[in-house]
Amino acid sequence: MKPLFLVNLLTLLPSIAALILASEVAIANPTINRNQIINIQPFNLVRLGYQGYFQDQGIPGYGAFHSAAQNRRVTATKLIESAIEKGRLSPDALNNQDYVDAVET
């Protein structure tokens, strides 16, 4: 009975993860209403940065993102500010040291 439960759980995990991701990653709307700001989890913010979501704000994507982060050309603060600018994150995130630390990590 236990192995069957684990198999079912492992089968469902990708679907659950996709639903969570879909709730956080929406197509950018240039006319964002500040009441509709989406708060992104730190891991997903970094992932969006890596995938090039903030390229129009000077943050490179993919391998260049990794290199820029290592060389401190992309910082947690810059990534958070870019998300705020796009209406994807509340400005309060900059004042939340736990959030900044999680993005930095």
Protein backbone atom coordinates (compact mmCIF):
# COMPACT_ATOMS: atom_id res chain seq x y z
CA MET A 1 0.00 0.00 0.00
CA LYS A 2 2.78 2.45 0.88
CA PRO A 3 4.67 2.14 -2.46
CA LEU A 4 1.42 2.77 -4.39
CA PHE A 5 0.85 5.97 -2.40
CA LEU A 6 4.36 7.16 -3.21
CA VAL A 7 3.92 6.37 -6.90
CA ASN A 8 0.65 8.34 -6.96
CA LEU A 9 2.22 11.23 -5.08
CA LEU A 10 5.20 11.34 -7.44
CA THR A 11 2.81 11.30 -10.38
CA LEU A 12 0.85 14.27 -9.01
CA LEU A 13 3.80 16.46 -7.96
CA PRO A 14 4.54 17.88 -11.43
CA SER A 15 0.87 18.81 -11.85
CA ILE A 16 0.75 20.50 -8.46
CA ALA A 17 3.96 22.38 -9.20
CA ALA A 18 2.59 23.51 -12.57
CA LEU A 19 -0.58 24.85 -10.93
CA ILE A 20 1.43 26.81 -8.37
CA LEU A 21 3.70 28.18 -11.07
CA ALA A 22 0.76 29.15 -13.28
CA SER A 23 -0.76 31.12 -10.43
CA GLU A 24 2.43 33.17 -10.07
CA VAL A 25 3.59 33.56 -13.65
CA ALA A 26 1.16 35.60 -15.72
CA ILE A 27 1.70 37.42 -18.97
CA ALA A 28 2.86 40.98 -18.31
CA ASN A 29 0.25 43.65 -18.85
CA PRO A 30 1.68 47.11 -19.56
CA THR A 31 -1.37 48.72 -17.95
CA ILE A 32 -1.05 46.97 -14.60
CA ASN A 33 -3.39 48.18 -11.91
CA ARG A 34 -1.40 48.47 -8.69
CA ASN A 35 -4.22 46.57 -6.93
CA GLN A 36 -3.43 43.57 -9.15
CA ILE A 37 0.22 43.17 -8.17
CA ILE A 38 1.35 39.55 -8.04
CA ASN A 39 3.80 38.64 -5.32
CA ILE A 40 6.33 36.14 -6.60
CA GLN A 41 8.18 33.70 -4.38
CA PRO A 42 11.94 34.46 -4.27
CA PHE A 43 12.90 31.26 -6.10
CA ASN A 44 10.44 31.99 -8.90
CA LEU A 45 11.66 35.60 -9.16
CA VAL A 46 15.21 34.37 -9.75
CA ARG A 47 13.93 31.78 -12.22
CA LEU A 48 12.07 34.47 -14.17
CA GLY A 49 15.25 36.53 -14.23
CA TYR A 50 17.21 33.55 -15.48
CA GLN A 51 14.60 32.92 -18.21
CA GLY A 52 15.05 36.47 -19.52
CA TYR A 53 11.78 37.97 -18.25
CA PHE A 54 13.57 41.17 -17.19
CA GLN A 55 15.80 41.61 -20.27
CA ASP A 56 14.00 44.81 -21.23
CA GLN A 57 15.26 46.23 -17.94
CA GLY A 58 18.89 45.34 -18.55
CA ILE A 59 18.98 41.98 -16.78
CA PRO A 60 20.36 39.34 -19.14
CA GLY A 61 18.89 35.87 -19.38
CA TYR A 62 20.17 32.30 -19.22
CA GLY A 63 23.97 31.85 -19.16
CA ALA A 64 24.55 35.60 -19.18
CA PHE A 65 22.26 35.90 -16.12
CA HIS A 66 24.34 33.34 -14.25
CA SER A 67 27.56 35.12 -15.18
CA ALA A 68 26.16 38.57 -14.28
CA ALA A 69 24.97 37.27 -10.90
CA GLN A 70 28.39 35.80 -10.15
CA ASN A 71 30.09 39.06 -11.12
CA ARG A 72 27.55 41.10 -9.08
CA ARG A 73 26.23 42.95 -12.14
CA VAL A 74 22.83 41.52 -11.24
CA THR A 75 21.99 41.75 -7.55
CA ALA A 76 18.98 40.70 -5.52
CA THR A 77 18.03 44.36 -5.15
CA LYS A 78 18.20 44.99 -8.90
CA LEU A 79 16.12 41.90 -9.61
CA ILE A 80 13.51 42.92 -7.03
CA GLU A 81 13.40 46.49 -8.40
CA SER A 82 12.85 45.12 -11.91
CA ALA A 83 9.95 42.99 -10.72
CA ILE A 84 8.44 45.98 -8.91
CA GLU A 85 8.81 48.08 -12.07
CA LYS A 86 6.94 45.45 -14.08
CA GLY A 87 4.16 45.31 -11.50
CA ARG A 88 5.01 41.75 -10.53
CA LEU A 89 6.04 42.48 -6.96
CA SER A 90 4.98 44.80 -4.20
CA PRO A 91 7.42 47.63 -3.37
CA ASP A 92 7.33 46.32 0.21
CA ALA A 93 9.57 43.45 -0.91
CA LEU A 94 12.60 45.77 -0.87
CA ASN A 95 12.01 46.43 2.83
CA ASN A 96 11.60 42.74 3.65
CA GLN A 97 15.13 41.60 4.49
CA ASP A 98 14.06 37.93 4.57
CA TYR A 99 12.80 38.27 1.00
CA VAL A 100 15.96 40.05 -0.17
CA ASP A 101 18.13 37.40 1.52
CA ALA A 102 16.12 34.59 -0.10
CA VAL A 103 16.57 36.14 -3.58
CA GLU A 104 20.27 36.64 -2.86
CA THR A 105 20.62 32.99 -1.89
